[in-house]
Amino acid sequence: MSVLGLGRMGAALAGALLGAGHDVAVWNRSPLKAGPLLDRGARLAATPAEAGAADVVISCLSTYDSQQPVLDAASLRGRTLVNLTSGTPEQARGVAKWAASEGIDYVDGVIMAVPQGIGTPGARILYSGSETAFAARRDVLEVLGEPVFLGEDAGMAALYDLALLGMMWSAMGGYLHALALVGSEGVTPAEFTPMALDWLSSVGGFLTGIGAQVASGDYETDVSALDINAAGLAMLVETSRAQGIGTEVPATLRALFDRAVAAGHGAHAIASVIEEIR
């Protein structure tokens, strides 16, 4: 096996493979980064082509633009390429098309873990692309984290990744706004966060029902209509302004909810907002 790229994540991937007893070659533009892995038994590949001699090549480089020249130089015909470089669905599909033209078995992946979590039970990696190649190399991929295959569309793993990260960033933005709001009255993060965690756990329980409404297109509700929530967002924006903090986070949602109300969804459930998004 070989790993192209020894940033924090690439080094963690190579380390997990070494820990599981695999023979691992590593390549990096700056060979000095390989030192700790060489001490653990890795072999230093002097060139991408040398690394490309392995049956399975894992690429974890900084960008797709920096990755493609390395892949071109690696001469991967007849090999399995597992691409763990972060990118968009279209970028993943582009590399899949290139790999097919070069006779390379291609699996795209996105890592849903921090480097310190690689190789632990809590790590999860989403994959898409060649199901045959994924199945053939599953035992190796399991070393890195729980492998989840999402289908033969090579862009699907990246699509899931960005969708999930979007949820994470939105939640973090809301949390930081909340800290600023209560902090304007001297409430500390330590005081507020336990309640925030309990609330987020409760909110998570709504997702299944919201998803079912989106799937059916039936937005009738007897719980909390959109116009009530839009009014609440207006109060949040005004209170934020009155407390002297930024309004960017709730103001964006307020505009979206107001647009859905204006489109006739005021008496519908929050799920109806998706009609203004898609």
C-alpha atoms as a PDB file:
ATOM      1  CA  MET A   1       0.000   0.000   0.000  1.00  0.00           C
ATOM      2  CA  SER A   2       1.053   3.591  -0.371  1.00  0.00           C
ATOM      3  CA  VAL A   3      -0.092   6.984   0.886  1.00  0.00           C
ATOM      4  CA  LEU A   4       0.395  10.169  -1.129  1.00  0.00           C
ATOM      5  CA  GLY A   5       0.496  13.239   1.097  1.00  0.00           C
ATOM      6  CA  LEU A   6       1.664  13.438   4.696  1.00  0.00           C
ATOM      7  CA  GLY A   7      -0.221  16.345   6.150  1.00  0.00           C
ATOM      8  CA  ARG A   8      -1.940  15.711   9.465  1.00  0.00           C
ATOM      9  CA  MET A   9      -4.588  13.492   7.919  1.00  0.00           C
ATOM     10  CA  GLY A  10      -2.312  11.660   5.494  1.00  0.00           C
ATOM     11  CA  ALA A  11       0.153  10.898   8.271  1.00  0.00           C
ATOM     12  CA  ALA A  12      -2.691   9.595  10.439  1.00  0.00           C
ATOM     13  CA  LEU A  13      -3.888   7.315   7.628  1.00  0.00           C
ATOM     14  CA  ALA A  14      -0.398   5.906   7.083  1.00  0.00           C
ATOM     15  CA  GLY A  15       0.074   5.475  10.830  1.00  0.00           C
ATOM     16  CA  ALA A  16      -3.148   3.501  11.180  1.00  0.00           C
ATOM     17  CA  LEU A  17      -2.141   1.198   8.329  1.00  0.00           C
ATOM     18  CA  LEU A  18       1.274   0.631   9.874  1.00  0.00           C
ATOM     19  CA  GLY A  19      -0.347  -0.071  13.230  1.00  0.00           C
ATOM     20  CA  ALA A  20      -2.461  -2.769  11.590  1.00  0.00           C
ATOM     21  CA  GLY A  21       0.643  -4.451  10.191  1.00  0.00           C
ATOM     22  CA  HIS A  22       0.442  -3.323   6.565  1.00  0.00           C
ATOM     23  CA  ASP A  23       3.484  -2.707   4.396  1.00  0.00           C
ATOM     24  CA  VAL A  24       3.210   1.016   3.630  1.00  0.00           C
ATOM     25  CA  ALA A  25       5.134   3.278   1.281  1.00  0.00           C
ATOM     26  CA  VAL A  26       4.742   7.022   1.755  1.00  0.00           C
ATOM     27  CA  TRP A  27       5.381   9.999  -0.487  1.00  0.00           C
ATOM     28  CA  ASN A  28       5.341  13.694   0.295  1.00  0.00           C
ATOM     29  CA  ARG A  29       6.712  16.758  -1.450  1.00  0.00           C
ATOM     30  CA  SER A  30       8.724  17.432   1.689  1.00  0.00           C
ATOM     31  CA  PRO A  31      10.305  14.073   2.604  1.00  0.00           C
ATOM     32  CA  LEU A  32      11.209  15.333   6.080  1.00  0.00           C
ATOM     33  CA  LYS A  33       7.578  14.876   7.127  1.00  0.00           C
ATOM     34  CA  ALA A  34       7.979  11.135   6.655  1.00  0.00           C
ATOM     35  CA  GLY A  35      10.479  10.793   9.513  1.00  0.00           C
ATOM     36  CA  PRO A  36       8.138   9.583  12.279  1.00  0.00           C
ATOM     37  CA  LEU A  37       6.480   7.103   9.912  1.00  0.00           C
ATOM     38  CA  LEU A  38       9.825   5.772   8.703  1.00  0.00           C
ATOM     39  CA  ASP A  39      10.736   5.163  12.326  1.00  0.00           C
ATOM     40  CA  ARG A  40       7.630   2.960  12.542  1.00  0.00           C
ATOM     41  CA  GLY A  41       8.547   0.903   9.478  1.00  0.00           C
ATOM     42  CA  ALA A  42       7.174   2.836   6.513  1.00  0.00           C
ATOM     43  CA  ARG A  43       9.176   3.002   3.303  1.00  0.00           C
ATOM     44  CA  LEU A  44       9.900   6.359   1.675  1.00  0.00           C
ATOM     45  CA  ALA A  45       8.938   6.569  -1.985  1.00  0.00           C
ATOM     46  CA  ALA A  46      11.246   8.991  -3.760  1.00  0.00           C
ATOM     47  CA  THR A  47       8.712   9.780  -6.492  1.00  0.00           C
ATOM     48  CA  PRO A  48       4.959   9.473  -7.066  1.00  0.00           C
ATOM     49  CA  ALA A  49       5.703   6.733  -9.599  1.00  0.00           C
ATOM     50  CA  GLU A  50       7.482   4.715  -6.923  1.00  0.00           C
ATOM     51  CA  ALA A  51       4.514   5.100  -4.598  1.00  0.00           C
ATOM     52  CA  GLY A  52       2.220   4.206  -7.496  1.00  0.00           C
ATOM     53  CA  ALA A  53       3.712   0.724  -7.713  1.00  0.00           C
ATOM     54  CA  ALA A  54       1.553  -0.354  -4.752  1.00  0.00           C
ATOM     55  CA  ASP A  55      -1.658  -2.292  -5.389  1.00  0.00           C
ATOM     56  CA  VAL A  56      -3.664   0.271  -3.414  1.00  0.00           C
ATOM     57  CA  VAL A  57      -2.754   3.963  -3.476  1.00  0.00           C
ATOM     58  CA  ILE A  58      -4.400   6.354  -1.044  1.00  0.00           C
ATOM     59  CA  SER A  59      -4.227  10.010  -1.993  1.00  0.00           C
ATOM     60  CA  CYS A  60      -4.728  12.659   0.691  1.00  0.00           C
ATOM     61  CA  LEU A  61      -3.368  15.908  -0.693  1.00  0.00           C
ATOM     62  CA  SER A  62      -4.311  19.505   0.038  1.00  0.00           C
ATOM     63  CA  THR A  63      -6.358  20.261  -3.097  1.00  0.00           C
ATOM     64  CA  TYR A  64      -7.492  18.645  -6.319  1.00  0.00           C
ATOM     65  CA  ASP A  65      -5.345  21.086  -8.284  1.00  0.00           C
ATOM     66  CA  SER A  66      -2.217  19.958  -6.451  1.00  0.00           C
ATOM     67  CA  GLN A  67      -3.280  16.314  -6.604  1.00  0.00           C
ATOM     68  CA  GLN A  68      -3.758  15.812 -10.346  1.00  0.00           C
ATOM     69  CA  PRO A  69      -0.097  16.299 -11.383  1.00  0.00           C
ATOM     70  CA  VAL A  70       0.901  13.816  -8.679  1.00  0.00           C
ATOM     71  CA  LEU A  71      -1.630  11.253  -9.911  1.00  0.00           C
ATOM     72  CA  ASP A  72      -0.481  11.777 -13.505  1.00  0.00           C
ATOM     73  CA  ALA A  73       3.086  11.087 -12.425  1.00  0.00           C
ATOM     74  CA  ALA A  74       2.172   8.035 -10.342  1.00  0.00           C
ATOM     75  CA  SER A  75       1.390   5.749 -13.323  1.00  0.00           C
ATOM     76  CA  LEU A  76      -1.549   4.015 -11.646  1.00  0.00           C
ATOM     77  CA  ARG A  77      -2.861   1.850 -14.499  1.00  0.00           C
ATOM     78  CA  GLY A  78      -4.098  -1.448 -13.060  1.00  0.00           C
ATOM     79  CA  ARG A  79      -4.028  -0.112  -9.493  1.00  0.00           C
ATOM     80  CA  THR A  80      -6.776   0.890  -7.068  1.00  0.00           C
ATOM     81  CA  LEU A  81      -6.855   4.601  -6.251  1.00  0.00           C
ATOM     82  CA  VAL A  82      -8.617   5.642  -3.055  1.00  0.00           C
ATOM     83  CA  ASN A  83      -8.981   9.404  -3.234  1.00  0.00           C
ATOM     84  CA  LEU A  84      -9.395  11.025   0.189  1.00  0.00           C
ATOM     85  CA  THR A  85      -8.552  14.556  -0.936  1.00  0.00           C
ATOM     86  CA  SER A  86     -11.360  16.967  -0.010  1.00  0.00           C
ATOM     87  CA  GLY A  87     -13.309  18.443  -2.891  1.00  0.00           C
ATOM     88  CA  THR A  88     -16.651  18.916  -4.579  1.00  0.00           C
ATOM     89  CA  PRO A  89     -18.828  16.226  -6.174  1.00  0.00           C
ATOM     90  CA  GLU A  90     -17.912  17.471  -9.632  1.00  0.00           C
ATOM     91  CA  GLN A  91     -14.199  17.291  -8.840  1.00  0.00           C
ATOM     92  CA  ALA A  92     -14.616  13.702  -7.644  1.00  0.00           C
ATOM     93  CA  ARG A  93     -16.509  12.802 -10.809  1.00  0.00           C
ATOM     94  CA  GLY A  94     -13.799  14.407 -12.883  1.00  0.00           C
ATOM     95  CA  VAL A  95     -11.081  12.276 -11.304  1.00  0.00           C
ATOM     96  CA  ALA A  96     -13.288   9.195 -11.674  1.00  0.00           C
ATOM     97  CA  LYS A  97     -13.604   9.906 -15.403  1.00  0.00           C
ATOM     98  CA  TRP A  98      -9.844  10.389 -15.683  1.00  0.00           C
ATOM     99  CA  ALA A  99      -9.197   7.170 -13.738  1.00  0.00           C
ATOM    100  CA  ALA A 100     -11.512   5.181 -16.022  1.00  0.00           C
ATOM    101  CA  SER A 101      -9.661   6.486 -19.072  1.00  0.00           C
ATOM    102  CA  GLU A 102      -6.363   5.405 -17.496  1.00  0.00           C
ATOM    103  CA  GLY A 103      -7.479   1.895 -16.484  1.00  0.00           C
ATOM    104  CA  ILE A 104      -7.504   2.705 -12.758  1.00  0.00           C
ATOM    105  CA  ASP A 105     -10.039   1.333 -10.275  1.00  0.00           C
ATOM    106  CA  TYR A 106     -11.384   4.409  -8.489  1.00  0.00           C
ATOM    107  CA  VAL A 107     -12.946   4.876  -5.075  1.00  0.00           C
ATOM    108  CA  ASP A 108     -13.649   8.360  -3.755  1.00  0.00           C
ATOM    109  CA  GLY A 109     -13.903   8.996  -0.035  1.00  0.00           C
ATOM    110  CA  VAL A 110     -14.450  11.691   2.560  1.00  0.00           C
ATOM    111  CA  ILE A 111     -13.255  11.429   6.134  1.00  0.00           C
ATOM    112  CA  MET A 112     -15.777  12.250   8.847  1.00  0.00           C
ATOM    113  CA  ALA A 113     -13.198  12.416  11.615  1.00  0.00           C
ATOM    114  CA  VAL A 114     -10.241  14.454  12.815  1.00  0.00           C
ATOM    115  CA  PRO A 115      -6.730  13.027  12.313  1.00  0.00           C
ATOM    116  CA  GLN A 116      -6.540  11.896  15.935  1.00  0.00           C
ATOM    117  CA  GLY A 117      -9.619   9.728  15.393  1.00  0.00           C
ATOM    118  CA  ILE A 118      -8.323   7.753  12.411  1.00  0.00           C
ATOM    119  CA  GLY A 119      -8.167   4.053  13.194  1.00  0.00           C
ATOM    120  CA  THR A 120     -10.511   4.334  16.179  1.00  0.00           C
ATOM    121  CA  PRO A 121     -14.081   2.992  16.474  1.00  0.00           C
ATOM    122  CA  GLY A 122     -15.447   6.553  16.298  1.00  0.00           C
ATOM    123  CA  ALA A 123     -14.026   7.274  12.833  1.00  0.00           C
ATOM    124  CA  ARG A 124     -16.261   7.032   9.781  1.00  0.00           C
ATOM    125  CA  ILE A 125     -15.291   7.376   6.126  1.00  0.00           C
ATOM    126  CA  LEU A 126     -17.868   7.723   3.356  1.00  0.00           C
ATOM    127  CA  TYR A 127     -17.063   6.141  -0.011  1.00  0.00           C
ATOM    128  CA  SER A 128     -18.504   6.141  -3.518  1.00  0.00           C
ATOM    129  CA  GLY A 129     -17.296   5.018  -6.923  1.00  0.00           C
ATOM    130  CA  SER A 130     -16.425   1.478  -7.975  1.00  0.00           C
ATOM    131  CA  GLU A 131     -18.349  -0.923  -5.749  1.00  0.00           C
ATOM    132  CA  THR A 132     -16.161  -3.775  -6.950  1.00  0.00           C
ATOM    133  CA  ALA A 133     -12.981  -1.979  -5.907  1.00  0.00           C
ATOM    134  CA  PHE A 134     -14.551  -0.928  -2.601  1.00  0.00           C
ATOM    135  CA  ALA A 135     -15.584  -4.492  -1.780  1.00  0.00           C
ATOM    136  CA  ALA A 136     -12.183  -5.871  -2.751  1.00  0.00           C
ATOM    137  CA  ARG A 137     -10.364  -3.422  -0.473  1.00  0.00           C
ATOM    138  CA  ARG A 138     -12.881  -3.186   2.341  1.00  0.00           C
ATOM    139  CA  ASP A 139     -10.618  -4.993   4.805  1.00  0.00           C
ATOM    140  CA  VAL A 140      -7.962  -2.323   4.318  1.00  0.00           C
ATOM    141  CA  LEU A 141     -10.443   0.544   4.487  1.00  0.00           C
ATOM    142  CA  GLU A 142     -11.847  -0.792   7.760  1.00  0.00           C
ATOM    143  CA  VAL A 143      -8.472  -0.151   9.361  1.00  0.00           C
ATOM    144  CA  LEU A 144      -8.960   3.583   8.845  1.00  0.00           C
ATOM    145  CA  GLY A 145     -12.509   3.844  10.186  1.00  0.00           C
ATOM    146  CA  GLU A 146     -16.011   2.540   9.610  1.00  0.00           C
ATOM    147  CA  PRO A 147     -16.424   2.391   5.804  1.00  0.00           C
ATOM    148  CA  VAL A 148     -19.834   3.438   4.465  1.00  0.00           C
ATOM    149  CA  PHE A 149     -20.476   2.907   0.740  1.00  0.00           C
ATOM    150  CA  LEU A 150     -22.970   5.333  -0.842  1.00  0.00           C
ATOM    151  CA  GLY A 151     -23.154   4.140  -4.431  1.00  0.00           C
ATOM    152  CA  GLU A 152     -21.335   4.115  -7.748  1.00  0.00           C
ATOM    153  CA  ASP A 153     -21.734   7.830  -8.454  1.00  0.00           C
ATOM    154  CA  ALA A 154     -18.215   8.931  -7.526  1.00  0.00           C
ATOM    155  CA  GLY A 155     -19.484  12.342  -6.398  1.00  0.00           C
ATOM    156  CA  MET A 156     -21.926  11.021  -3.806  1.00  0.00           C
ATOM    157  CA  ALA A 157     -19.451  10.818  -0.911  1.00  0.00           C
ATOM    158  CA  ALA A 158     -18.451  14.461  -1.404  1.00  0.00           C
ATOM    159  CA  LEU A 159     -22.130  15.470  -1.656  1.00  0.00           C
ATOM    160  CA  TYR A 160     -22.936  13.784   1.677  1.00  0.00           C
ATOM    161  CA  ASP A 161     -19.829  15.325   3.197  1.00  0.00           C
ATOM    162  CA  LEU A 162     -20.799  18.876   2.296  1.00  0.00           C
ATOM    163  CA  ALA A 163     -24.418  18.305   3.340  1.00  0.00           C
ATOM    164  CA  LEU A 164     -23.338  17.051   6.764  1.00  0.00           C
ATOM    165  CA  LEU A 165     -20.731  19.772   7.186  1.00  0.00           C
ATOM    166  CA  GLY A 166     -23.359  22.348   6.279  1.00  0.00           C
ATOM    167  CA  MET A 167     -25.454  21.100   9.181  1.00  0.00           C
ATOM    168  CA  MET A 168     -22.443  21.252  11.476  1.00  0.00           C
ATOM    169  CA  TRP A 169     -21.458  24.777  10.457  1.00  0.00           C
ATOM    170  CA  SER A 170     -25.040  25.987  10.802  1.00  0.00           C
ATOM    171  CA  ALA A 171     -25.280  24.502  14.290  1.00  0.00           C
ATOM    172  CA  MET A 172     -21.937  26.012  15.296  1.00  0.00           C
ATOM    173  CA  GLY A 173     -22.975  29.395  13.931  1.00  0.00           C
ATOM    174  CA  GLY A 174     -26.185  29.237  15.943  1.00  0.00           C
ATOM    175  CA  TYR A 175     -24.300  28.208  19.072  1.00  0.00           C
ATOM    176  CA  LEU A 176     -21.768  31.017  18.735  1.00  0.00           C
ATOM    177  CA  HIS A 177     -24.570  33.520  18.208  1.00  0.00           C
ATOM    178  CA  ALA A 178     -26.294  32.165  21.304  1.00  0.00           C
ATOM    179  CA  LEU A 179     -23.087  32.532  23.334  1.00  0.00           C
ATOM    180  CA  ALA A 180     -22.757  36.120  22.179  1.00  0.00           C
ATOM    181  CA  LEU A 181     -26.381  36.838  23.050  1.00  0.00           C
ATOM    182  CA  VAL A 182     -26.366  35.432  26.590  1.00  0.00           C
ATOM    183  CA  GLY A 183     -22.800  36.656  27.038  1.00  0.00           C
ATOM    184  CA  SER A 184     -24.053  40.213  26.550  1.00  0.00           C
ATOM    185  CA  GLU A 185     -25.615  39.803  29.982  1.00  0.00           C
ATOM    186  CA  GLY A 186     -22.618  38.129  31.580  1.00  0.00           C
ATOM    187  CA  VAL A 187     -23.639  34.476  31.127  1.00  0.00           C
ATOM    188  CA  THR A 188     -20.537  32.334  30.596  1.00  0.00           C
ATOM    189  CA  PRO A 189     -20.166  29.507  28.056  1.00  0.00           C
ATOM    190  CA  ALA A 190     -19.761  27.065  30.941  1.00  0.00           C
ATOM    191  CA  GLU A 191     -23.103  28.150  32.346  1.00  0.00           C
ATOM    192  CA  PHE A 192     -24.975  28.088  29.053  1.00  0.00           C
ATOM    193  CA  THR A 193     -23.533  25.072  27.226  1.00  0.00           C
ATOM    194  CA  PRO A 194     -25.180  22.260  29.252  1.00  0.00           C
ATOM    195  CA  MET A 195     -28.604  23.697  28.425  1.00  0.00           C
ATOM    196  CA  ALA A 196     -27.580  24.138  24.782  1.00  0.00           C
ATOM    197  CA  LEU A 197     -26.561  20.477  24.554  1.00  0.00           C
ATOM    198  CA  ASP A 198     -29.878  19.316  26.003  1.00  0.00           C
ATOM    199  CA  TRP A 199     -31.744  21.566  23.566  1.00  0.00           C
ATOM    200  CA  LEU A 200     -29.793  20.334  20.535  1.00  0.00           C
ATOM    201  CA  SER A 201     -30.539  16.758  21.561  1.00  0.00           C
ATOM    202  CA  SER A 202     -34.253  17.577  21.616  1.00  0.00           C
ATOM    203  CA  VAL A 203     -34.068  19.407  18.285  1.00  0.00           C
ATOM    204  CA  GLY A 204     -32.366  16.393  16.717  1.00  0.00           C
ATOM    205  CA  GLY A 205     -35.477  14.402  17.479  1.00  0.00           C
ATOM    206  CA  PHE A 206     -37.448  16.587  15.055  1.00  0.00           C
ATOM    207  CA  LEU A 207     -35.389  15.617  11.996  1.00  0.00           C
ATOM    208  CA  THR A 208     -37.123  12.347  11.167  1.00  0.00           C
ATOM    209  CA  GLY A 209     -40.522  14.034  11.078  1.00  0.00           C
ATOM    210  CA  ILE A 210     -39.231  16.978   9.048  1.00  0.00           C
ATOM    211  CA  GLY A 211     -37.632  14.605   6.570  1.00  0.00           C
ATOM    212  CA  ALA A 212     -40.889  12.678   6.199  1.00  0.00           C
ATOM    213  CA  GLN A 213     -42.772  15.903   5.472  1.00  0.00           C
ATOM    214  CA  VAL A 214     -40.229  16.926   2.840  1.00  0.00           C
ATOM    215  CA  ALA A 215     -40.456  13.500   1.201  1.00  0.00           C
ATOM    216  CA  SER A 216     -44.260  13.579   1.089  1.00  0.00           C
ATOM    217  CA  GLY A 217     -44.722  17.272   0.331  1.00  0.00           C
ATOM    218  CA  ASP A 218     -47.428  17.406   3.007  1.00  0.00           C
ATOM    219  CA  TYR A 219     -46.594  20.372   5.247  1.00  0.00           C
ATOM    220  CA  GLU A 220     -49.760  20.473   7.340  1.00  0.00           C
ATOM    221  CA  THR A 221     -49.071  20.893  11.046  1.00  0.00           C
ATOM    222  CA  ASP A 222     -50.858  21.156  14.352  1.00  0.00           C
ATOM    223  CA  VAL A 223     -47.681  21.899  16.301  1.00  0.00           C
ATOM    224  CA  SER A 224     -45.809  25.057  15.306  1.00  0.00           C
ATOM    225  CA  ALA A 225     -46.630  26.934  12.118  1.00  0.00           C
ATOM    226  CA  LEU A 226     -43.992  28.719  10.084  1.00  0.00           C
ATOM    227  CA  ASP A 227     -45.407  32.204  10.689  1.00  0.00           C
ATOM    228  CA  ILE A 228     -44.939  31.775  14.444  1.00  0.00           C
ATOM    229  CA  ASN A 229     -41.310  30.770  13.920  1.00  0.00           C
ATOM    230  CA  ALA A 230     -40.752  33.660  11.500  1.00  0.00           C
ATOM    231  CA  ALA A 231     -42.056  36.050  14.166  1.00  0.00           C
ATOM    232  CA  GLY A 232     -39.683  34.452  16.671  1.00  0.00           C
ATOM    233  CA  LEU A 233     -36.754  35.001  14.341  1.00  0.00           C
ATOM    234  CA  ALA A 234     -37.755  38.656  14.010  1.00  0.00           C
ATOM    235  CA  MET A 235     -37.648  38.953  17.790  1.00  0.00           C
ATOM    236  CA  LEU A 236     -34.232  37.274  17.858  1.00  0.00           C
ATOM    237  CA  VAL A 237     -32.869  39.715  15.297  1.00  0.00           C
ATOM    238  CA  GLU A 238     -34.234  42.730  17.157  1.00  0.00           C
ATOM    239  CA  THR A 239     -33.037  41.475  20.542  1.00  0.00           C
ATOM    240  CA  SER A 240     -29.572  40.793  19.121  1.00  0.00           C
ATOM    241  CA  ARG A 241     -29.422  44.316  17.779  1.00  0.00           C
ATOM    242  CA  ALA A 242     -30.641  45.734  21.096  1.00  0.00           C
ATOM    243  CA  GLN A 243     -28.000  43.749  22.997  1.00  0.00           C
ATOM    244  CA  GLY A 244     -25.289  45.138  20.742  1.00  0.00           C
ATOM    245  CA  ILE A 245     -24.274  41.939  18.945  1.00  0.00           C
ATOM    246  CA  GLY A 246     -24.249  40.982  15.272  1.00  0.00           C
ATOM    247  CA  THR A 247     -27.438  39.869  13.557  1.00  0.00           C
ATOM    248  CA  GLU A 248     -25.962  38.070  10.534  1.00  0.00           C
ATOM    249  CA  VAL A 249     -26.783  34.533  11.690  1.00  0.00           C
ATOM    250  CA  PRO A 250     -30.484  34.944  12.542  1.00  0.00           C
ATOM    251  CA  ALA A 251     -31.093  37.619   9.892  1.00  0.00           C
ATOM    252  CA  THR A 252     -30.262  35.160   7.115  1.00  0.00           C
ATOM    253  CA  LEU A 253     -32.769  32.644   8.454  1.00  0.00           C
ATOM    254  CA  ARG A 254     -35.327  35.370   9.057  1.00  0.00           C
ATOM    255  CA  ALA A 255     -35.149  36.415   5.406  1.00  0.00           C
ATOM    256  CA  LEU A 256     -35.585  32.803   4.290  1.00  0.00           C
ATOM    257  CA  PHE A 257     -38.545  32.168   6.614  1.00  0.00           C
ATOM    258  CA  ASP A 258     -40.183  35.471   5.634  1.00  0.00           C
ATOM    259  CA  ARG A 259     -39.867  34.514   1.975  1.00  0.00           C
ATOM    260  CA  ALA A 260     -41.575  31.177   2.646  1.00  0.00           C
ATOM    261  CA  VAL A 261     -44.390  32.907   4.541  1.00  0.00           C
ATOM    262  CA  ALA A 262     -44.861  35.335   1.648  1.00  0.00           C
ATOM    263  CA  ALA A 263     -45.062  32.339  -0.708  1.00  0.00           C
ATOM    264  CA  GLY A 264     -48.089  31.058   1.208  1.00  0.00           C
ATOM    265  CA  HIS A 265     -46.499  28.700   3.736  1.00  0.00           C
ATOM    266  CA  GLY A 266     -47.312  30.682   6.880  1.00  0.00           C
ATOM    267  CA  ALA A 267     -49.719  28.063   8.226  1.00  0.00           C
ATOM    268  CA  HIS A 268     -47.459  25.183   7.230  1.00  0.00           C
ATOM    269  CA  ALA A 269     -44.695  23.405   9.131  1.00  0.00           C
ATOM    270  CA  ILE A 270     -41.076  24.562   9.122  1.00  0.00           C
ATOM    271  CA  ALA A 271     -40.360  21.781   6.613  1.00  0.00           C
ATOM    272  CA  SER A 272     -42.101  23.900   3.971  1.00  0.00           C
ATOM    273  CA  VAL A 273     -39.089  26.254   3.917  1.00  0.00           C
ATOM    274  CA  ILE A 274     -37.353  23.741   1.671  1.00  0.00           C
ATOM    275  CA  GLU A 275     -39.578  24.961  -1.155  1.00  0.00           C
ATOM    276  CA  GLU A 276     -37.666  28.269  -0.991  1.00  0.00           C
ATOM    277  CA  ILE A 277     -34.294  26.496  -0.911  1.00  0.00           C
ATOM    278  CA  ARG A 278     -34.524  23.987  -3.726  1.00  0.00           C
END
